[in-house]
Amino acid sequence: MSQLNYEQAKKRVRELKIFYGHFIFYILVNIMLFIINIMSSPGSWWFIYPLFGWGLGILVHVTYTYVFSRWGSEWEERKIKELLSKDR
């Protein structure tokens, strides 16, 4: 495996690790908020506001991690090859 591919794989693993941590933290905190909501004010479902608000942040993170990250790497690779071929 070339050094460039290793660095790309290492970057990708780091991005996935950060996303998984963010998602697990989201789940755990929102479970805790749900329990607090049930115990403190069962008639009012206020926990859904941070659930949906933070959920939008999770969607942005998913989009970056799984959609734009792959597009970005491929685009970068094409650009590098294009610039190297022009330099010759």
N, C-alpha and C. Protein backbone atom coordinates (compact mmCIF):
# COMPACT_ATOMS: atom_id res chain seq x y z
N MET A 1 0.86 -1.17 0.00
CA MET A 1 0.00 0.00 0.00
C MET A 1 0.90 1.24 0.00
N SER A 2 0.60 2.17 -0.88
CA SER A 2 1.44 3.37 -0.95
C SER A 2 1.17 4.27 0.25
N GLN A 3 2.10 5.19 0.49
CA GLN A 3 1.98 6.11 1.62
C GLN A 3 0.74 6.98 1.49
N LEU A 4 0.43 7.43 0.27
CA LEU A 4 -0.74 8.27 0.05
C LEU A 4 -2.02 7.52 0.41
N ASN A 5 -2.13 6.28 -0.02
CA ASN A 5 -3.32 5.50 0.30
C ASN A 5 -3.42 5.22 1.79
N TYR A 6 -2.29 4.98 2.44
CA TYR A 6 -2.29 4.75 3.88
C TYR A 6 -2.77 6.00 4.61
N GLU A 7 -2.30 7.16 4.20
CA GLU A 7 -2.71 8.42 4.84
C GLU A 7 -4.20 8.68 4.63
N GLN A 8 -4.69 8.38 3.44
CA GLN A 8 -6.12 8.55 3.17
C GLN A 8 -6.95 7.61 4.03
N ALA A 9 -6.50 6.37 4.16
CA ALA A 9 -7.22 5.39 4.99
C ALA A 9 -7.19 5.82 6.45
N LYS A 10 -6.05 6.31 6.89
CA LYS A 10 -5.91 6.77 8.27
C LYS A 10 -6.85 7.94 8.55
N LYS A 11 -6.94 8.87 7.61
CA LYS A 11 -7.85 10.02 7.75
C LYS A 11 -9.30 9.54 7.80
N ARG A 12 -9.63 8.59 6.95
CA ARG A 12 -11.01 8.06 6.89
C ARG A 12 -11.38 7.37 8.21
N VAL A 13 -10.46 6.59 8.75
CA VAL A 13 -10.71 5.90 10.03
C VAL A 13 -10.91 6.93 11.14
N ARG A 14 -10.12 7.99 11.13
CA ARG A 14 -10.27 9.05 12.14
C ARG A 14 -11.65 9.72 12.01
N GLU A 15 -12.09 10.01 10.78
CA GLU A 15 -13.41 10.61 10.57
C GLU A 15 -14.52 9.69 11.08
N LEU A 16 -14.42 8.40 10.78
CA LEU A 16 -15.43 7.44 11.24
C LEU A 16 -15.44 7.33 12.76
N LYS A 17 -14.27 7.29 13.36
CA LYS A 17 -14.16 7.19 14.81
C LYS A 17 -14.82 8.40 15.49
N ILE A 18 -14.57 9.58 14.97
CA ILE A 18 -15.19 10.79 15.52
C ILE A 18 -16.70 10.73 15.36
N PHE A 19 -17.17 10.30 14.18
CA PHE A 19 -18.62 10.20 13.97
C PHE A 19 -19.26 9.19 14.92
N TYR A 20 -18.66 8.01 15.05
CA TYR A 20 -19.23 7.00 15.95
C TYR A 20 -19.29 7.51 17.38
N GLY A 21 -18.26 8.19 17.82
CA GLY A 21 -18.26 8.77 19.17
C GLY A 21 -19.37 9.78 19.34
N HIS A 22 -19.54 10.65 18.34
CA HIS A 22 -20.60 11.66 18.37
C HIS A 22 -21.97 10.99 18.43
N PHE A 23 -22.17 9.96 17.64
CA PHE A 23 -23.46 9.29 17.59
C PHE A 23 -23.77 8.56 18.90
N ILE A 24 -22.78 7.87 19.45
CA ILE A 24 -22.99 7.16 20.73
C ILE A 24 -23.29 8.16 21.84
N PHE A 25 -22.56 9.28 21.87
CA PHE A 25 -22.81 10.31 22.87
C PHE A 25 -24.22 10.87 22.72
N TYR A 26 -24.67 11.08 21.49
CA TYR A 26 -26.02 11.56 21.19
C TYR A 26 -27.07 10.60 21.77
N ILE A 27 -26.89 9.32 21.52
CA ILE A 27 -27.83 8.31 22.02
C ILE A 27 -27.87 8.32 23.55
N LEU A 28 -26.70 8.27 24.18
CA LEU A 28 -26.64 8.19 25.64
C LEU A 28 -27.23 9.44 26.31
N VAL A 29 -26.87 10.61 25.82
CA VAL A 29 -27.38 11.85 26.42
C VAL A 29 -28.88 11.95 26.23
N ASN A 30 -29.39 11.56 25.07
CA ASN A 30 -30.83 11.68 24.85
C ASN A 30 -31.62 10.64 25.64
N ILE A 31 -31.04 9.48 25.91
CA ILE A 31 -31.69 8.52 26.82
C ILE A 31 -31.77 9.13 28.22
N MET A 32 -30.67 9.76 28.64
CA MET A 32 -30.65 10.40 29.95
C MET A 32 -31.68 11.53 30.02
N LEU A 33 -31.77 12.34 28.97
CA LEU A 33 -32.75 13.43 28.95
C LEU A 33 -34.18 12.88 28.98
N PHE A 34 -34.41 11.78 28.29
CA PHE A 34 -35.73 11.16 28.30
C PHE A 34 -36.09 10.72 29.72
N ILE A 35 -35.15 10.08 30.40
CA ILE A 35 -35.40 9.62 31.78
C ILE A 35 -35.66 10.81 32.70
N ILE A 36 -34.86 11.85 32.56
CA ILE A 36 -35.07 13.06 33.38
C ILE A 36 -36.43 13.65 33.08
N ASN A 37 -36.81 13.70 31.82
CA ASN A 37 -38.12 14.23 31.43
C ASN A 37 -39.26 13.42 32.06
N ILE A 38 -39.18 12.11 32.00
CA ILE A 38 -40.22 11.25 32.56
C ILE A 38 -40.33 11.45 34.07
N MET A 39 -39.18 11.59 34.73
CA MET A 39 -39.19 11.71 36.19
C MET A 39 -39.61 13.11 36.66
N SER A 40 -39.25 14.14 35.92
CA SER A 40 -39.51 15.50 36.39
C SER A 40 -40.83 16.08 35.89
N SER A 41 -41.17 15.85 34.66
CA SER A 41 -42.41 16.42 34.11
C SER A 41 -42.99 15.49 33.06
N PRO A 42 -43.65 14.43 33.49
CA PRO A 42 -44.15 13.42 32.55
C PRO A 42 -45.20 13.92 31.56
N GLY A 43 -45.89 15.00 31.89
CA GLY A 43 -46.92 15.50 30.98
C GLY A 43 -46.37 16.36 29.85
N SER A 44 -45.15 16.81 29.98
CA SER A 44 -44.53 17.68 28.99
C SER A 44 -43.34 16.95 28.36
N TRP A 45 -43.33 16.84 27.05
CA TRP A 45 -42.27 16.10 26.37
C TRP A 45 -41.21 17.05 25.83
N TRP A 46 -40.51 17.75 26.72
CA TRP A 46 -39.50 18.72 26.32
C TRP A 46 -38.23 18.08 25.77
N PHE A 47 -37.99 16.82 26.07
CA PHE A 47 -36.75 16.17 25.63
C PHE A 47 -36.66 16.08 24.10
N ILE A 48 -37.81 16.17 23.41
CA ILE A 48 -37.78 16.05 21.95
C ILE A 48 -37.08 17.23 21.28
N TYR A 49 -37.05 18.40 21.94
CA TYR A 49 -36.40 19.56 21.33
C TYR A 49 -34.90 19.36 21.18
N PRO A 50 -34.19 18.98 22.25
CA PRO A 50 -32.77 18.69 22.04
C PRO A 50 -32.55 17.44 21.16
N LEU A 51 -33.46 16.48 21.23
CA LEU A 51 -33.36 15.28 20.40
C LEU A 51 -33.36 15.66 18.92
N PHE A 52 -34.32 16.48 18.51
CA PHE A 52 -34.41 16.87 17.10
C PHE A 52 -33.33 17.89 16.72
N GLY A 53 -33.05 18.83 17.61
CA GLY A 53 -32.02 19.82 17.31
C GLY A 53 -30.66 19.18 17.12
N TRP A 54 -30.28 18.34 18.06
CA TRP A 54 -29.00 17.65 17.96
C TRP A 54 -29.04 16.63 16.82
N GLY A 55 -30.23 16.08 16.58
CA GLY A 55 -30.39 15.14 15.46
C GLY A 55 -30.06 15.78 14.12
N LEU A 56 -30.40 17.07 13.98
CA LEU A 56 -30.03 17.78 12.75
C LEU A 56 -28.50 17.86 12.63
N GLY A 57 -27.85 18.11 13.75
CA GLY A 57 -26.39 18.11 13.75
C GLY A 57 -25.81 16.76 13.36
N ILE A 58 -26.44 15.70 13.86
CA ILE A 58 -26.01 14.33 13.50
C ILE A 58 -26.19 14.11 11.98
N LEU A 59 -27.29 14.59 11.42
CA LEU A 59 -27.52 14.44 9.98
C LEU A 59 -26.44 15.16 9.17
N VAL A 60 -26.06 16.34 9.62
CA VAL A 60 -24.99 17.08 8.95
C VAL A 60 -23.69 16.28 9.04
N HIS A 61 -23.43 15.72 10.21
CA HIS A 61 -22.20 14.93 10.41
C HIS A 61 -22.23 13.67 9.53
N VAL A 62 -23.37 13.02 9.43
CA VAL A 62 -23.51 11.84 8.56
C VAL A 62 -23.23 12.23 7.12
N THR A 63 -23.82 13.34 6.69
CA THR A 63 -23.63 13.80 5.32
C THR A 63 -22.16 14.07 5.04
N TYR A 64 -21.50 14.75 5.96
CA TYR A 64 -20.08 15.03 5.78
C TYR A 64 -19.26 13.74 5.77
N THR A 65 -19.54 12.85 6.70
CA THR A 65 -18.74 11.64 6.86
C THR A 65 -18.94 10.65 5.73
N TYR A 66 -20.17 10.46 5.29
CA TYR A 66 -20.44 9.41 4.31
C TYR A 66 -20.65 9.90 2.88
N VAL A 67 -21.02 11.16 2.69
CA VAL A 67 -21.27 11.64 1.33
C VAL A 67 -20.12 12.51 0.85
N PHE A 68 -19.90 13.64 1.52
CA PHE A 68 -18.91 14.60 1.03
C PHE A 68 -17.49 14.12 1.23
N SER A 69 -17.24 13.31 2.23
CA SER A 69 -15.90 12.83 2.48
C SER A 69 -15.43 11.97 1.31
N ARG A 70 -16.26 11.10 0.84
CA ARG A 70 -15.88 10.24 -0.29
C ARG A 70 -15.75 11.04 -1.57
N TRP A 71 -16.69 11.96 -1.77
CA TRP A 71 -16.62 12.81 -2.96
C TRP A 71 -15.35 13.65 -2.90
N GLY A 72 -15.04 14.15 -1.73
CA GLY A 72 -13.87 15.00 -1.55
C GLY A 72 -12.58 14.26 -1.86
N SER A 73 -12.43 13.05 -1.38
CA SER A 73 -11.20 12.29 -1.62
C SER A 73 -11.03 11.98 -3.10
N GLU A 74 -12.10 11.58 -3.74
CA GLU A 74 -12.01 11.27 -5.16
C GLU A 74 -11.67 12.52 -5.97
N TRP A 75 -12.30 13.63 -5.61
CA TRP A 75 -12.03 14.88 -6.29
C TRP A 75 -10.58 15.30 -6.09
N GLU A 76 -10.09 15.18 -4.84
CA GLU A 76 -8.71 15.52 -4.53
C GLU A 76 -7.75 14.66 -5.36
N GLU A 77 -8.02 13.38 -5.42
CA GLU A 77 -7.16 12.45 -6.16
C GLU A 77 -7.12 12.82 -7.65
N ARG A 78 -8.29 13.12 -8.23
CA ARG A 78 -8.34 13.53 -9.64
C ARG A 78 -7.57 14.82 -9.87
N LYS A 79 -7.73 15.78 -8.95
CA LYS A 79 -7.05 17.06 -9.08
C LYS A 79 -5.53 16.89 -8.99
N ILE A 80 -5.07 16.06 -8.06
CA ILE A 80 -3.64 15.80 -7.91
C ILE A 80 -3.08 15.23 -9.21
N LYS A 81 -3.77 14.23 -9.76
CA LYS A 81 -3.30 13.61 -11.01
C LYS A 81 -3.31 14.61 -12.16
N GLU A 82 -4.35 15.45 -12.20
CA GLU A 82 -4.44 16.47 -13.24
C GLU A 82 -3.27 17.46 -13.14
N LEU A 83 -2.99 17.92 -11.93
CA LEU A 83 -1.90 18.88 -11.75
C LEU A 83 -0.54 18.25 -12.02
N LEU A 84 -0.36 16.99 -11.64
CA LEU A 84 0.89 16.32 -11.92
C LEU A 84 1.10 16.12 -13.42
N SER A 85 0.05 15.81 -14.13
CA SER A 85 0.18 15.61 -15.58
C SER A 85 0.47 16.93 -16.30
N LYS A 86 -0.05 18.05 -15.81
CA LYS A 86 0.22 19.36 -16.41
C LYS A 86 1.66 19.79 -16.14
N ASP A 87 2.21 19.35 -15.02
CA ASP A 87 3.55 19.75 -14.62
C ASP A 87 4.63 19.07 -15.46
N ARG A 88 4.31 17.98 -16.10
CA ARG A 88 5.31 17.21 -16.89
C ARG A 88 5.62 17.86 -18.17
